């Protein structure tokens, strides 16, 4: 019986590497991403692409409501997204 693993994917290099390592180690991988109400969908699109190209057997998105733990520019339209050059 093949070993199974759940791999959290965000669409970035770290999660793509973990998925590749788990697959190479012989695990049947199931990719999981979180929809926490982020303003842009690019992260979830990238996570799906990582899961598909990385050989995950399935890709699931879990919706989370993070509104009770405070605002963030990632999730609150009333907060400006910081300028990359700002300190």
PDB file of N, CA and C in Angstrom:
ATOM      1  N   UNK A   1       0.839  -1.187   0.000  1.00  0.00           N
ATOM      2  CA  UNK A   1       0.000   0.000   0.000  1.00  0.00           C
ATOM      3  C   UNK A   1       0.881   1.246   0.000  1.00  0.00           C
ATOM      4  N   UNK A   2       0.578   2.182  -0.876  1.00  0.00           N
ATOM      5  CA  UNK A   2       1.374   3.410  -0.991  1.00  0.00           C
ATOM      6  C   UNK A   2       1.081   4.358   0.177  1.00  0.00           C
ATOM      7  N   UNK A   3       2.122   4.962   0.713  1.00  0.00           N
ATOM      8  CA  UNK A   3       1.976   5.936   1.790  1.00  0.00           C
ATOM      9  C   UNK A   3       1.293   7.182   1.227  1.00  0.00           C
ATOM     10  N   UNK A   4       0.519   7.859   2.069  1.00  0.00           N
ATOM     11  CA  UNK A   4      -0.194   9.067   1.661  1.00  0.00           C
ATOM     12  C   UNK A   4       0.296  10.257   2.472  1.00  0.00           C
ATOM     13  N   UNK A   5       0.235  11.436   1.846  1.00  0.00           N
ATOM     14  CA  UNK A   5       0.638  12.658   2.527  1.00  0.00           C
ATOM     15  C   UNK A   5      -0.285  13.800   2.126  1.00  0.00           C
ATOM     16  N   UNK A   6      -0.572  14.661   3.085  1.00  0.00           N
ATOM     17  CA  UNK A   6      -1.269  15.909   2.806  1.00  0.00           C
ATOM     18  C   UNK A   6      -0.205  16.992   2.770  1.00  0.00           C
ATOM     19  N   UNK A   7      -0.161  17.725   1.669  1.00  0.00           N
ATOM     20  CA  UNK A   7       0.840  18.779   1.498  1.00  0.00           C
ATOM     21  C   UNK A   7       0.117  20.109   1.369  1.00  0.00           C
ATOM     22  N   UNK A   8       0.446  21.049   2.253  1.00  0.00           N
ATOM     23  CA  UNK A   8      -0.125  22.389   2.149  1.00  0.00           C
ATOM     24  C   UNK A   8       0.567  23.122   1.020  1.00  0.00           C
ATOM     25  N   UNK A   9      -0.223  23.660   0.094  1.00  0.00           N
ATOM     26  CA  UNK A   9       0.355  24.378  -1.046  1.00  0.00           C
ATOM     27  C   UNK A   9      -0.179  25.804  -1.070  1.00  0.00           C
ATOM     28  N   UNK A  10       0.740  26.725  -1.310  1.00  0.00           N
ATOM     29  CA  UNK A  10       0.362  28.131  -1.414  1.00  0.00           C
ATOM     30  C   UNK A  10       0.643  28.665  -2.806  1.00  0.00           C
ATOM     31  N   UNK A  11       1.322  27.883  -3.593  1.00  0.00           N
ATOM     32  CA  UNK A  11       1.683  28.341  -4.924  1.00  0.00           C
ATOM     33  C   UNK A  11       3.104  28.849  -5.001  1.00  0.00           C
ATOM     34  N   UNK A  12       3.780  28.897  -3.880  1.00  0.00           N
ATOM     35  CA  UNK A  12       5.145  29.394  -3.857  1.00  0.00           C
ATOM     36  C   UNK A  12       6.183  28.289  -3.977  1.00  0.00           C
ATOM     37  N   UNK A  13       7.435  28.699  -3.988  1.00  0.00           N
ATOM     38  CA  UNK A  13       8.552  27.787  -4.165  1.00  0.00           C
ATOM     39  C   UNK A  13       8.661  26.773  -3.023  1.00  0.00           C
ATOM     40  N   UNK A  14       8.432  27.208  -1.792  1.00  0.00           N
ATOM     41  CA  UNK A  14       8.559  26.291  -0.652  1.00  0.00           C
ATOM     42  C   UNK A  14       7.580  25.130  -0.750  1.00  0.00           C
ATOM     43  N   UNK A  15       6.307  25.441  -0.994  1.00  0.00           N
ATOM     44  CA  UNK A  15       5.323  24.364  -1.041  1.00  0.00           C
ATOM     45  C   UNK A  15       5.508  23.491  -2.279  1.00  0.00           C
ATOM     46  N   UNK A  16       5.966  24.077  -3.384  1.00  0.00           N
ATOM     47  CA  UNK A  16       6.259  23.274  -4.581  1.00  0.00           C
ATOM     48  C   UNK A  16       7.395  22.300  -4.296  1.00  0.00           C
ATOM     49  N   UNK A  17       8.393  22.746  -3.536  1.00  0.00           N
ATOM     50  CA  UNK A  17       9.527  21.895  -3.186  1.00  0.00           C
ATOM     51  C   UNK A  17       9.096  20.753  -2.272  1.00  0.00           C
ATOM     52  N   UNK A  18       8.265  21.060  -1.277  1.00  0.00           N
ATOM     53  CA  UNK A  18       7.790  20.020  -0.365  1.00  0.00           C
ATOM     54  C   UNK A  18       6.979  18.976  -1.124  1.00  0.00           C
ATOM     55  N   UNK A  19       6.114  19.420  -2.030  1.00  0.00           N
ATOM     56  CA  UNK A  19       5.332  18.485  -2.834  1.00  0.00           C
ATOM     57  C   UNK A  19       6.249  17.608  -3.687  1.00  0.00           C
ATOM     58  N   UNK A  20       7.250  18.208  -4.300  1.00  0.00           N
ATOM     59  CA  UNK A  20       8.190  17.443  -5.125  1.00  0.00           C
ATOM     60  C   UNK A  20       8.955  16.423  -4.280  1.00  0.00           C
ATOM     61  N   UNK A  21       9.370  16.815  -3.081  1.00  0.00           N
ATOM     62  CA  UNK A  21      10.104  15.898  -2.210  1.00  0.00           C
ATOM     63  C   UNK A  21       9.220  14.742  -1.748  1.00  0.00           C
ATOM     64  N   UNK A  22       7.986  15.037  -1.392  1.00  0.00           N
ATOM     65  CA  UNK A  22       7.076  13.985  -0.936  1.00  0.00           C
ATOM     66  C   UNK A  22       6.759  13.009  -2.071  1.00  0.00           C
ATOM     67  N   UNK A  23       6.560  13.546  -3.260  1.00  0.00           N
ATOM     68  CA  UNK A  23       6.295  12.700  -4.425  1.00  0.00           C
ATOM     69  C   UNK A  23       7.507  11.821  -4.719  1.00  0.00           C
ATOM     70  N   UNK A  24       8.689  12.420  -4.686  1.00  0.00           N
ATOM     71  CA  UNK A  24       9.927  11.675  -4.952  1.00  0.00           C
ATOM     72  C   UNK A  24      10.167  10.590  -3.901  1.00  0.00           C
ATOM     73  N   UNK A  25       9.672  10.812  -2.688  1.00  0.00           N
ATOM     74  CA  UNK A  25       9.835   9.836  -1.616  1.00  0.00           C
ATOM     75  C   UNK A  25       8.792   8.717  -1.704  1.00  0.00           C
ATOM     76  N   UNK A  26       7.937   8.790  -2.704  1.00  0.00           N
ATOM     77  CA  UNK A  26       6.975   7.721  -2.929  1.00  0.00           C
ATOM     78  C   UNK A  26       5.601   7.918  -2.327  1.00  0.00           C
ATOM     79  N   UNK A  27       5.325   9.107  -1.815  1.00  0.00           N
ATOM     80  CA  UNK A  27       4.015   9.366  -1.230  1.00  0.00           C
ATOM     81  C   UNK A  27       2.982   9.678  -2.311  1.00  0.00           C
ATOM     82  N   UNK A  28       1.751   9.237  -2.073  1.00  0.00           N
ATOM     83  CA  UNK A  28       0.610   9.668  -2.873  1.00  0.00           C
ATOM     84  C   UNK A  28       0.151  10.965  -2.208  1.00  0.00           C
ATOM     85  N   UNK A  29       0.274  12.081  -2.915  1.00  0.00           N
ATOM     86  CA  UNK A  29       0.074  13.390  -2.293  1.00  0.00           C
ATOM     87  C   UNK A  29      -1.297  13.989  -2.576  1.00  0.00           C
ATOM     88  N   UNK A  30      -1.834  14.577  -1.547  1.00  0.00           N
ATOM     89  CA  UNK A  30      -3.094  15.300  -1.616  1.00  0.00           C
ATOM     90  C   UNK A  30      -2.779  16.746  -1.240  1.00  0.00           C
ATOM     91  N   UNK A  31      -3.011  17.658  -2.164  1.00  0.00           N
ATOM     92  CA  UNK A  31      -2.655  19.062  -1.955  1.00  0.00           C
ATOM     93  C   UNK A  31      -3.819  19.816  -1.322  1.00  0.00           C
ATOM     94  N   UNK A  32      -3.500  20.684  -0.365  1.00  0.00           N
ATOM     95  CA  UNK A  32      -4.491  21.451   0.369  1.00  0.00           C
ATOM     96  C   UNK A  32      -4.076  22.914   0.404  1.00  0.00           C
ATOM     97  N   UNK A  33      -5.024  23.791   0.062  1.00  0.00           N
ATOM     98  CA  UNK A  33      -4.782  25.233   0.129  1.00  0.00           C
ATOM     99  C   UNK A  33      -5.903  25.866   0.946  1.00  0.00           C
ATOM    100  N   UNK A  34      -5.653  27.068   1.442  1.00  0.00           N
ATOM    101  CA  UNK A  34      -6.643  27.773   2.244  1.00  0.00           C
ATOM    102  C   UNK A  34      -7.077  29.055   1.554  1.00  0.00           C
ATOM    103  N   UNK A  35      -8.398  29.236   1.459  1.00  0.00           N
ATOM    104  CA  UNK A  35      -8.980  30.486   0.984  1.00  0.00           C
ATOM    105  C   UNK A  35      -9.375  31.254   2.232  1.00  0.00           C
ATOM    106  N   UNK A  36      -8.543  32.217   2.613  1.00  0.00           N
ATOM    107  CA  UNK A  36      -8.784  32.990   3.827  1.00  0.00           C
ATOM    108  C   UNK A  36      -9.349  34.367   3.510  1.00  0.00           C
ATOM    109  N   UNK A  37      -9.933  34.486   2.311  1.00  0.00           N
ATOM    110  CA  UNK A  37     -10.536  35.746   1.909  1.00  0.00           C
ATOM    111  C   UNK A  37      -9.538  36.730   1.336  1.00  0.00           C
ATOM    112  N   UNK A  38      -8.406  36.221   0.866  1.00  0.00           N
ATOM    113  CA  UNK A  38      -7.388  37.102   0.310  1.00  0.00           C
ATOM    114  C   UNK A  38      -7.958  37.906  -0.860  1.00  0.00           C
ATOM    115  N   UNK A  39      -7.485  39.139  -0.992  1.00  0.00           N
ATOM    116  CA  UNK A  39      -7.988  40.053  -2.009  1.00  0.00           C
ATOM    117  C   UNK A  39      -7.808  39.530  -3.424  1.00  0.00           C
ATOM    118  N   UNK A  40      -6.735  38.888  -3.660  1.00  0.00           N
ATOM    119  CA  UNK A  40      -6.443  38.410  -5.007  1.00  0.00           C
ATOM    120  C   UNK A  40      -6.561  36.901  -5.046  1.00  0.00           C
ATOM    121  N   UNK A  41      -6.897  36.382  -6.187  1.00  0.00           N
ATOM    122  CA  UNK A  41      -7.050  34.937  -6.338  1.00  0.00           C
ATOM    123  C   UNK A  41      -5.773  34.304  -6.880  1.00  0.00           C
ATOM    124  N   UNK A  42      -4.778  35.109  -7.164  1.00  0.00           N
ATOM    125  CA  UNK A  42      -3.542  34.609  -7.780  1.00  0.00           C
ATOM    126  C   UNK A  42      -2.900  33.514  -6.938  1.00  0.00           C
ATOM    127  N   UNK A  43      -2.957  33.637  -5.617  1.00  0.00           N
ATOM    128  CA  UNK A  43      -2.343  32.635  -4.743  1.00  0.00           C
ATOM    129  C   UNK A  43      -3.019  31.274  -4.913  1.00  0.00           C
ATOM    130  N   UNK A  44      -4.344  31.268  -4.993  1.00  0.00           N
ATOM    131  CA  UNK A  44      -5.062  30.009  -5.156  1.00  0.00           C
ATOM    132  C   UNK A  44      -4.881  29.423  -6.551  1.00  0.00           C
ATOM    133  N   UNK A  45      -4.805  30.290  -7.553  1.00  0.00           N
ATOM    134  CA  UNK A  45      -4.540  29.822  -8.923  1.00  0.00           C
ATOM    135  C   UNK A  45      -3.155  29.172  -8.980  1.00  0.00           C
ATOM    136  N   UNK A  46      -2.176  29.825  -8.356  1.00  0.00           N
ATOM    137  CA  UNK A  46      -0.814  29.281  -8.331  1.00  0.00           C
ATOM    138  C   UNK A  46      -0.765  27.968  -7.541  1.00  0.00           C
ATOM    139  N   UNK A  47      -1.497  27.887  -6.442  1.00  0.00           N
ATOM    140  CA  UNK A  47      -1.521  26.659  -5.640  1.00  0.00           C
ATOM    141  C   UNK A  47      -2.089  25.502  -6.459  1.00  0.00           C
ATOM    142  N   UNK A  48      -3.134  25.769  -7.207  1.00  0.00           N
ATOM    143  CA  UNK A  48      -3.719  24.720  -8.059  1.00  0.00           C
ATOM    144  C   UNK A  48      -2.718  24.268  -9.116  1.00  0.00           C
ATOM    145  N   UNK A  49      -2.020  25.221  -9.704  1.00  0.00           N
ATOM    146  CA  UNK A  49      -1.020  24.887 -10.727  1.00  0.00           C
ATOM    147  C   UNK A  49       0.115  24.052 -10.131  1.00  0.00           C
ATOM    148  N   UNK A  50       0.567  24.402  -8.940  1.00  0.00           N
ATOM    149  CA  UNK A  50       1.616  23.625  -8.259  1.00  0.00           C
ATOM    150  C   UNK A  50       1.125  22.204  -8.011  1.00  0.00           C
ATOM    151  N   UNK A  51      -0.112  22.067  -7.528  1.00  0.00           N
ATOM    152  CA  UNK A  51      -0.666  20.743  -7.242  1.00  0.00           C
ATOM    153  C   UNK A  51      -0.749  19.899  -8.513  1.00  0.00           C
ATOM    154  N   UNK A  52      -1.235  20.505  -9.584  1.00  0.00           N
ATOM    155  CA  UNK A  52      -1.390  19.764 -10.845  1.00  0.00           C
ATOM    156  C   UNK A  52      -0.052  19.370 -11.446  1.00  0.00           C
ATOM    157  N   UNK A  53       0.861  20.306 -11.521  1.00  0.00           N
ATOM    158  CA  UNK A  53       2.159  20.007 -12.139  1.00  0.00           C
ATOM    159  C   UNK A  53       3.044  19.172 -11.227  1.00  0.00           C
ATOM    160  N   UNK A  54       2.770  19.231  -9.910  1.00  0.00           N
ATOM    161  CA  UNK A  54       3.558  18.467  -8.950  1.00  0.00           C
ATOM    162  C   UNK A  54       3.073  17.046  -8.760  1.00  0.00           C
ATOM    163  N   UNK A  55       2.002  16.687  -9.435  1.00  0.00           N
ATOM    164  CA  UNK A  55       1.534  15.312  -9.388  1.00  0.00           C
ATOM    165  C   UNK A  55       0.628  14.955  -8.230  1.00  0.00           C
ATOM    166  N   UNK A  56       0.012  15.950  -7.593  1.00  0.00           N
ATOM    167  CA  UNK A  56      -0.910  15.646  -6.500  1.00  0.00           C
ATOM    168  C   UNK A  56      -2.116  14.870  -7.032  1.00  0.00           C
ATOM    169  N   UNK A  57      -2.553  13.915  -6.264  1.00  0.00           N
ATOM    170  CA  UNK A  57      -3.712  13.113  -6.658  1.00  0.00           C
ATOM    171  C   UNK A  57      -4.981  13.952  -6.632  1.00  0.00           C
ATOM    172  N   UNK A  58      -5.091  14.827  -5.628  1.00  0.00           N
ATOM    173  CA  UNK A  58      -6.245  15.718  -5.505  1.00  0.00           C
ATOM    174  C   UNK A  58      -5.776  17.078  -5.000  1.00  0.00           C
ATOM    175  N   UNK A  59      -6.575  18.098  -5.301  1.00  0.00           N
ATOM    176  CA  UNK A  59      -6.335  19.447  -4.815  1.00  0.00           C
ATOM    177  C   UNK A  59      -7.628  19.942  -4.191  1.00  0.00           C
ATOM    178  N   UNK A  60      -7.566  20.347  -2.938  1.00  0.00           N
ATOM    179  CA  UNK A  60      -8.730  20.854  -2.221  1.00  0.00           C
ATOM    180  C   UNK A  60      -8.424  22.240  -1.671  1.00  0.00           C
ATOM    181  N   UNK A  61      -9.458  23.083  -1.634  1.00  0.00           N
ATOM    182  CA  UNK A  61      -9.359  24.413  -1.035  1.00  0.00           C
ATOM    183  C   UNK A  61     -10.325  24.458   0.144  1.00  0.00           C
ATOM    184  N   UNK A  62      -9.813  24.844   1.304  1.00  0.00           N
ATOM    185  CA  UNK A  62     -10.621  24.999   2.509  1.00  0.00           C
ATOM    186  C   UNK A  62     -10.838  26.482   2.748  1.00  0.00           C
ATOM    187  N   UNK A  63     -12.084  26.898   2.896  1.00  0.00           N
ATOM    188  CA  UNK A  63     -12.400  28.300   3.144  1.00  0.00           C
ATOM    189  C   UNK A  63     -12.329  28.578   4.641  1.00  0.00           C
ATOM    190  N   UNK A  64     -11.604  29.635   5.011  1.00  0.00           N
ATOM    191  CA  UNK A  64     -11.454  30.051   6.404  1.00  0.00           C
ATOM    192  C   UNK A  64     -11.933  31.483   6.573  1.00  0.00           C
ATOM    193  N   UNK A  65     -12.603  31.756   7.666  1.00  0.00           N
ATOM    194  CA  UNK A  65     -13.005  33.119   7.993  1.00  0.00           C
ATOM    195  C   UNK A  65     -12.052  33.624   9.071  1.00  0.00           C
ATOM    196  N   UNK A  66     -11.162  34.512   8.687  1.00  0.00           N
ATOM    197  CA  UNK A  66     -10.181  35.049   9.631  1.00  0.00           C
ATOM    198  C   UNK A  66     -10.566  36.425  10.166  1.00  0.00           C
ATOM    199  N   UNK A  67     -11.784  36.870   9.890  1.00  0.00           N
ATOM    200  CA  UNK A  67     -12.191  38.218  10.281  1.00  0.00           C
ATOM    201  C   UNK A  67     -12.161  38.441  11.793  1.00  0.00           C
ATOM    202  N   UNK A  68     -12.287  37.400  12.578  1.00  0.00           N
ATOM    203  CA  UNK A  68     -12.327  37.557  14.029  1.00  0.00           C
ATOM    204  C   UNK A  68     -10.954  37.782  14.656  1.00  0.00           C
ATOM    205  N   UNK A  69      -9.894  37.645  13.886  1.00  0.00           N
ATOM    206  CA  UNK A  69      -8.561  37.816  14.479  1.00  0.00           C
ATOM    207  C   UNK A  69      -7.845  39.066  13.983  1.00  0.00           C
ATOM    208  N   UNK A  70      -8.583  39.993  13.427  1.00  0.00           N
ATOM    209  CA  UNK A  70      -7.978  41.268  13.070  1.00  0.00           C
ATOM    210  C   UNK A  70      -7.814  41.463  11.587  1.00  0.00           C
ATOM    211  N   UNK A  71      -7.708  42.707  11.229  1.00  0.00           N
ATOM    212  CA  UNK A  71      -7.610  43.084   9.831  1.00  0.00           C
ATOM    213  C   UNK A  71      -6.206  42.951   9.281  1.00  0.00           C
ATOM    214  N   UNK A  72      -6.152  42.756   8.008  1.00  0.00           N
ATOM    215  CA  UNK A  72      -4.889  42.661   7.284  1.00  0.00           C
ATOM    216  C   UNK A  72      -5.120  43.237   5.904  1.00  0.00           C
ATOM    217  N   UNK A  73      -4.100  43.820   5.330  1.00  0.00           N
ATOM    218  CA  UNK A  73      -4.216  44.338   3.972  1.00  0.00           C
ATOM    219  C   UNK A  73      -4.523  43.219   2.979  1.00  0.00           C
ATOM    220  N   UNK A  74      -4.226  41.995   3.350  1.00  0.00           N
ATOM    221  CA  UNK A  74      -4.531  40.858   2.471  1.00  0.00           C
ATOM    222  C   UNK A  74      -6.023  40.573   2.392  1.00  0.00           C
ATOM    223  N   UNK A  75      -6.748  40.890   3.474  1.00  0.00           N
ATOM    224  CA  UNK A  75      -8.152  40.493   3.528  1.00  0.00           C
ATOM    225  C   UNK A  75      -9.129  41.642   3.730  1.00  0.00           C
ATOM    226  N   UNK A  76      -8.673  42.806   4.147  1.00  0.00           N
ATOM    227  CA  UNK A  76      -9.562  43.930   4.462  1.00  0.00           C
ATOM    228  C   UNK A  76      -9.414  45.032   3.426  1.00  0.00           C
ATOM    229  N   UNK A  77     -10.485  45.286   2.676  1.00  0.00           N
ATOM    230  CA  UNK A  77     -10.452  46.287   1.607  1.00  0.00           C
ATOM    231  C   UNK A  77     -10.262  47.708   2.152  1.00  0.00           C
ATOM    232  N   UNK A  78     -10.485  47.923   3.446  1.00  0.00           N
ATOM    233  CA  UNK A  78     -10.327  49.255   4.038  1.00  0.00           C
ATOM    234  C   UNK A  78      -8.875  49.560   4.387  1.00  0.00           C
ATOM    235  N   UNK A  79      -8.019  48.571   4.347  1.00  0.00           N
ATOM    236  CA  UNK A  79      -6.600  48.755   4.672  1.00  0.00           C
ATOM    237  C   UNK A  79      -5.800  48.754   3.375  1.00  0.00           C
ATOM    238  N   UNK A  80      -5.029  49.805   3.169  1.00  0.00           N
ATOM    239  CA  UNK A  80      -4.202  49.885   1.967  1.00  0.00           C
ATOM    240  C   UNK A  80      -3.112  48.808   1.973  1.00  0.00           C
ATOM    241  N   UNK A  81      -2.855  48.284   0.795  1.00  0.00           N
ATOM    242  CA  UNK A  81      -1.745  47.334   0.647  1.00  0.00           C
ATOM    243  C   UNK A  81      -0.456  48.130   0.730  1.00  0.00           C
ATOM    244  N   UNK A  82       0.480  47.742   1.601  1.00  0.00           N
ATOM    245  CA  UNK A  82       1.731  48.497   1.757  1.00  0.00           C
ATOM    246  C   UNK A  82       2.535  48.541   0.450  1.00  0.00           C
ATOM    247  N   UNK A  83       3.202  49.651   0.270  1.00  0.00           N
ATOM    248  CA  UNK A  83       4.100  49.813  -0.884  1.00  0.00           C
ATOM    249  C   UNK A  83       5.353  48.971  -0.611  1.00  0.00           C
ATOM    250  N   UNK A  84       5.793  48.231  -1.616  1.00  0.00           N
ATOM    251  CA  UNK A  84       6.949  47.342  -1.457  1.00  0.00           C
ATOM    252  C   UNK A  84       8.198  48.097  -1.019  1.00  0.00           C
ATOM    253  N   UNK A  85       8.317  49.362  -1.372  1.00  0.00           N
ATOM    254  CA  UNK A  85       9.495  50.139  -1.018  1.00  0.00           C
ATOM    255  C   UNK A  85       9.390  50.803   0.344  1.00  0.00           C
ATOM    256  N   UNK A  86       8.187  50.782   0.940  1.00  0.00           N
ATOM    257  CA  UNK A  86       8.004  51.444   2.226  1.00  0.00           C
ATOM    258  C   UNK A  86       8.624  50.635   3.349  1.00  0.00           C
ATOM    259  N   UNK A  87       9.065  51.355   4.389  1.00  0.00           N
ATOM    260  CA  UNK A  87       9.647  50.697   5.555  1.00  0.00           C
ATOM    261  C   UNK A  87       8.733  50.859   6.727  1.00  0.00           C
TER     262      UNK A  87
END
